[in-house]
Amino acid sequence: MRDLLALGSLICWLVLMIWVYRNSPDWFFVPFFFVATFGYLRLMQPRSS
């Protein structure tokens, strides 16, 4: 189940990046991509409790 959830999250991420790329200028997409990818990876890190 966790693998399916991770795959769904990755697919949604790719769809969002494609949508932003098609609907924004290049000067906006490149910094947005790096910041958003870094934030996504930080969000997906396993938490230690």
PDB file of N, CA and C in Angstrom:
ATOM      1  N   MET A   1       0.822  -1.202   0.000  1.00  0.00           N
ATOM      2  CA  MET A   1       0.000   0.000   0.000  1.00  0.00           C
ATOM      3  C   MET A   1       0.860   1.258   0.000  1.00  0.00           C
ATOM      4  N   ARG A   2       1.964   1.242   0.763  1.00  0.00           N
ATOM      5  CA  ARG A   2       2.842   2.417   0.793  1.00  0.00           C
ATOM      6  C   ARG A   2       3.496   2.648  -0.558  1.00  0.00           C
ATOM      7  N   ASP A   3       3.822   1.555  -1.262  1.00  0.00           N
ATOM      8  CA  ASP A   3       4.428   1.697  -2.591  1.00  0.00           C
ATOM      9  C   ASP A   3       3.440   2.324  -3.573  1.00  0.00           C
ATOM     10  N   LEU A   4       2.188   1.932  -3.480  1.00  0.00           N
ATOM     11  CA  LEU A   4       1.156   2.494  -4.358  1.00  0.00           C
ATOM     12  C   LEU A   4       0.946   3.976  -4.063  1.00  0.00           C
ATOM     13  N   LEU A   5       0.960   4.333  -2.791  1.00  0.00           N
ATOM     14  CA  LEU A   5       0.815   5.733  -2.405  1.00  0.00           C
ATOM     15  C   LEU A   5       2.006   6.565  -2.888  1.00  0.00           C
ATOM     16  N   ALA A   6       3.208   6.020  -2.764  1.00  0.00           N
ATOM     17  CA  ALA A   6       4.400   6.726  -3.237  1.00  0.00           C
ATOM     18  C   ALA A   6       4.374   6.891  -4.758  1.00  0.00           C
ATOM     19  N   LEU A   7       3.941   5.874  -5.462  1.00  0.00           N
ATOM     20  CA  LEU A   7       3.845   5.959  -6.922  1.00  0.00           C
ATOM     21  C   LEU A   7       2.801   6.991  -7.342  1.00  0.00           C
ATOM     22  N   GLY A   8       1.674   7.012  -6.674  1.00  0.00           N
ATOM     23  CA  GLY A   8       0.643   8.007  -6.965  1.00  0.00           C
ATOM     24  C   GLY A   8       1.135   9.423  -6.697  1.00  0.00           C
ATOM     25  N   SER A   9       1.876   9.594  -5.625  1.00  0.00           N
ATOM     26  CA  SER A   9       2.435  10.902  -5.299  1.00  0.00           C
ATOM     27  C   SER A   9       3.440  11.345  -6.352  1.00  0.00           C
ATOM     28  N   LEU A  10       4.265  10.433  -6.822  1.00  0.00           N
ATOM     29  CA  LEU A  10       5.252  10.754  -7.852  1.00  0.00           C
ATOM     30  C   LEU A  10       4.580  11.106  -9.175  1.00  0.00           C
ATOM     31  N   ILE A  11       3.525  10.393  -9.528  1.00  0.00           N
ATOM     32  CA  ILE A  11       2.796  10.694 -10.766  1.00  0.00           C
ATOM     33  C   ILE A  11       2.146  12.071 -10.676  1.00  0.00           C
ATOM     34  N   CYS A  12       1.544  12.381  -9.527  1.00  0.00           N
ATOM     35  CA  CYS A  12       0.952  13.713  -9.346  1.00  0.00           C
ATOM     36  C   CYS A  12       2.018  14.796  -9.431  1.00  0.00           C
ATOM     37  N   TRP A  13       3.200  14.532  -8.884  1.00  0.00           N
ATOM     38  CA  TRP A  13       4.320  15.476  -8.952  1.00  0.00           C
ATOM     39  C   TRP A  13       4.727  15.728 -10.403  1.00  0.00           C
ATOM     40  N   LEU A  14       4.846  14.667 -11.186  1.00  0.00           N
ATOM     41  CA  LEU A  14       5.235  14.822 -12.591  1.00  0.00           C
ATOM     42  C   LEU A  14       4.175  15.574 -13.383  1.00  0.00           C
ATOM     43  N   VAL A  15       2.896  15.280 -13.136  1.00  0.00           N
ATOM     44  CA  VAL A  15       1.816  15.991 -13.822  1.00  0.00           C
ATOM     45  C   VAL A  15       1.849  17.471 -13.461  1.00  0.00           C
ATOM     46  N   LEU A  16       2.067  17.792 -12.187  1.00  0.00           N
ATOM     47  CA  LEU A  16       2.154  19.190 -11.764  1.00  0.00           C
ATOM     48  C   LEU A  16       3.325  19.898 -12.441  1.00  0.00           C
ATOM     49  N   MET A  17       4.489  19.257 -12.508  1.00  0.00           N
ATOM     50  CA  MET A  17       5.661  19.881 -13.130  1.00  0.00           C
ATOM     51  C   MET A  17       5.426  20.102 -14.624  1.00  0.00           C
ATOM     52  N   ILE A  18       4.783  19.159 -15.305  1.00  0.00           N
ATOM     53  CA  ILE A  18       4.489  19.325 -16.735  1.00  0.00           C
ATOM     54  C   ILE A  18       3.502  20.473 -16.934  1.00  0.00           C
ATOM     55  N   TRP A  19       2.480  20.551 -16.068  1.00  0.00           N
ATOM     56  CA  TRP A  19       1.489  21.614 -16.190  1.00  0.00           C
ATOM     57  C   TRP A  19       2.125  22.989 -15.963  1.00  0.00           C
ATOM     58  N   VAL A  20       2.964  23.095 -14.926  1.00  0.00           N
ATOM     59  CA  VAL A  20       3.633  24.373 -14.649  1.00  0.00           C
ATOM     60  C   VAL A  20       4.574  24.734 -15.791  1.00  0.00           C
ATOM     61  N   TYR A  21       5.288  23.755 -16.327  1.00  0.00           N
ATOM     62  CA  TYR A  21       6.222  24.016 -17.429  1.00  0.00           C
ATOM     63  C   TYR A  21       5.494  24.551 -18.666  1.00  0.00           C
ATOM     64  N   ARG A  22       4.332  23.987 -18.978  1.00  0.00           N
ATOM     65  CA  ARG A  22       3.592  24.411 -20.172  1.00  0.00           C
ATOM     66  C   ARG A  22       2.910  25.761 -19.987  1.00  0.00           C
ATOM     67  N   ASN A  23       2.630  26.155 -18.749  1.00  0.00           N
ATOM     68  CA  ASN A  23       1.849  27.365 -18.502  1.00  0.00           C
ATOM     69  C   ASN A  23       2.649  28.501 -17.866  1.00  0.00           C
ATOM     70  N   SER A  24       3.974  28.411 -17.846  1.00  0.00           N
ATOM     71  CA  SER A  24       4.759  29.475 -17.246  1.00  0.00           C
ATOM     72  C   SER A  24       5.987  29.759 -18.110  1.00  0.00           C
ATOM     73  N   PRO A  25       6.534  30.963 -17.999  1.00  0.00           N
ATOM     74  CA  PRO A  25       7.756  31.278 -18.746  1.00  0.00           C
ATOM     75  C   PRO A  25       8.966  30.531 -18.170  1.00  0.00           C
ATOM     76  N   ASP A  26      10.004  30.399 -18.987  1.00  0.00           N
ATOM     77  CA  ASP A  26      11.193  29.648 -18.566  1.00  0.00           C
ATOM     78  C   ASP A  26      11.864  30.255 -17.337  1.00  0.00           C
ATOM     79  N   TRP A  27      11.899  31.589 -17.250  1.00  0.00           N
ATOM     80  CA  TRP A  27      12.569  32.219 -16.117  1.00  0.00           C
ATOM     81  C   TRP A  27      11.881  31.896 -14.797  1.00  0.00           C
ATOM     82  N   PHE A  28      10.597  31.562 -14.842  1.00  0.00           N
ATOM     83  CA  PHE A  28       9.884  31.182 -13.621  1.00  0.00           C
ATOM     84  C   PHE A  28      10.020  29.693 -13.330  1.00  0.00           C
ATOM     85  N   PHE A  29       9.992  28.868 -14.366  1.00  0.00           N
ATOM     86  CA  PHE A  29       9.936  27.420 -14.149  1.00  0.00           C
ATOM     87  C   PHE A  29      11.211  26.868 -13.524  1.00  0.00           C
ATOM     88  N   VAL A  30      12.364  27.329 -13.983  1.00  0.00           N
ATOM     89  CA  VAL A  30      13.629  26.743 -13.498  1.00  0.00           C
ATOM     90  C   VAL A  30      13.802  26.935 -11.992  1.00  0.00           C
ATOM     91  N   PRO A  31      13.711  28.161 -11.445  1.00  0.00           N
ATOM     92  CA  PRO A  31      13.825  28.271  -9.984  1.00  0.00           C
ATOM     93  C   PRO A  31      12.694  27.559  -9.249  1.00  0.00           C
ATOM     94  N   PHE A  32      11.474  27.615  -9.800  1.00  0.00           N
ATOM     95  CA  PHE A  32      10.347  26.927  -9.171  1.00  0.00           C
ATOM     96  C   PHE A  32      10.606  25.426  -9.097  1.00  0.00           C
ATOM     97  N   PHE A  33      11.148  24.856 -10.175  1.00  0.00           N
ATOM     98  CA  PHE A  33      11.406  23.419 -10.208  1.00  0.00           C
ATOM     99  C   PHE A  33      12.400  23.014  -9.119  1.00  0.00           C
ATOM    100  N   PHE A  34      13.492  23.767  -8.985  1.00  0.00           N
ATOM    101  CA  PHE A  34      14.491  23.415  -7.972  1.00  0.00           C
ATOM    102  C   PHE A  34      13.947  23.571  -6.553  1.00  0.00           C
ATOM    103  N   VAL A  35      13.259  24.669  -6.284  1.00  0.00           N
ATOM    104  CA  VAL A  35      12.710  24.888  -4.946  1.00  0.00           C
ATOM    105  C   VAL A  35      11.631  23.853  -4.624  1.00  0.00           C
ATOM    106  N   ALA A  36      10.747  23.605  -5.579  1.00  0.00           N
ATOM    107  CA  ALA A  36       9.657  22.665  -5.337  1.00  0.00           C
ATOM    108  C   ALA A  36      10.176  21.229  -5.199  1.00  0.00           C
ATOM    109  N   THR A  37      11.184  20.868  -5.991  1.00  0.00           N
ATOM    110  CA  THR A  37      11.747  19.522  -5.873  1.00  0.00           C
ATOM    111  C   THR A  37      12.426  19.333  -4.522  1.00  0.00           C
ATOM    112  N   PHE A  38      13.178  20.333  -4.078  1.00  0.00           N
ATOM    113  CA  PHE A  38      13.820  20.243  -2.768  1.00  0.00           C
ATOM    114  C   PHE A  38      12.769  20.113  -1.662  1.00  0.00           C
ATOM    115  N   GLY A  39      11.702  20.901  -1.759  1.00  0.00           N
ATOM    116  CA  GLY A  39      10.636  20.810  -0.769  1.00  0.00           C
ATOM    117  C   GLY A  39       9.928  19.462  -0.797  1.00  0.00           C
ATOM    118  N   TYR A  40       9.704  18.932  -1.993  1.00  0.00           N
ATOM    119  CA  TYR A  40       9.053  17.626  -2.131  1.00  0.00           C
ATOM    120  C   TYR A  40       9.915  16.526  -1.512  1.00  0.00           C
ATOM    121  N   LEU A  41      11.220  16.559  -1.770  1.00  0.00           N
ATOM    122  CA  LEU A  41      12.097  15.542  -1.200  1.00  0.00           C
ATOM    123  C   LEU A  41      12.166  15.645   0.319  1.00  0.00           C
ATOM    124  N   ARG A  42      12.164  16.870   0.855  1.00  0.00           N
ATOM    125  CA  ARG A  42      12.149  17.044   2.311  1.00  0.00           C
ATOM    126  C   ARG A  42      10.837  16.510   2.897  1.00  0.00           C
ATOM    127  N   LEU A  43       9.731  16.715   2.195  1.00  0.00           N
ATOM    128  CA  LEU A  43       8.440  16.253   2.667  1.00  0.00           C
ATOM    129  C   LEU A  43       8.361  14.725   2.656  1.00  0.00           C
ATOM    130  N   MET A  44       9.019  14.089   1.684  1.00  0.00           N
ATOM    131  CA  MET A  44       8.935  12.638   1.542  1.00  0.00           C
ATOM    132  C   MET A  44       9.944  11.890   2.408  1.00  0.00           C
ATOM    133  N   GLN A  45      10.828  12.595   3.113  1.00  0.00           N
ATOM    134  CA  GLN A  45      11.789  11.913   3.984  1.00  0.00           C
ATOM    135  C   GLN A  45      11.046  11.239   5.150  1.00  0.00           C
ATOM    136  N   PRO A  46      11.481  10.039   5.511  1.00  0.00           N
ATOM    137  CA  PRO A  46      10.825   9.387   6.656  1.00  0.00           C
ATOM    138  C   PRO A  46      11.140  10.138   7.953  1.00  0.00           C
ATOM    139  N   ARG A  47      10.147  10.259   8.788  1.00  0.00           N
ATOM    140  CA  ARG A  47      10.300  10.966  10.060  1.00  0.00           C
ATOM    141  C   ARG A  47      10.742   9.976  11.135  1.00  0.00           C
ATOM    142  N   SER A  48      11.647  10.415  11.983  1.00  0.00           N
ATOM    143  CA  SER A  48      12.027   9.573  13.133  1.00  0.00           C
ATOM    144  C   SER A  48      11.343  10.142  14.362  1.00  0.00           C
ATOM    145  N   SER A  49      10.633   9.291  15.095  1.00  0.00           N
ATOM    146  CA  SER A  49       9.875   9.801  16.248  1.00  0.00           C
ATOM    147  C   SER A  49      10.481   9.383  17.572  1.00  0.00           C
TER     148      SER A  49
END
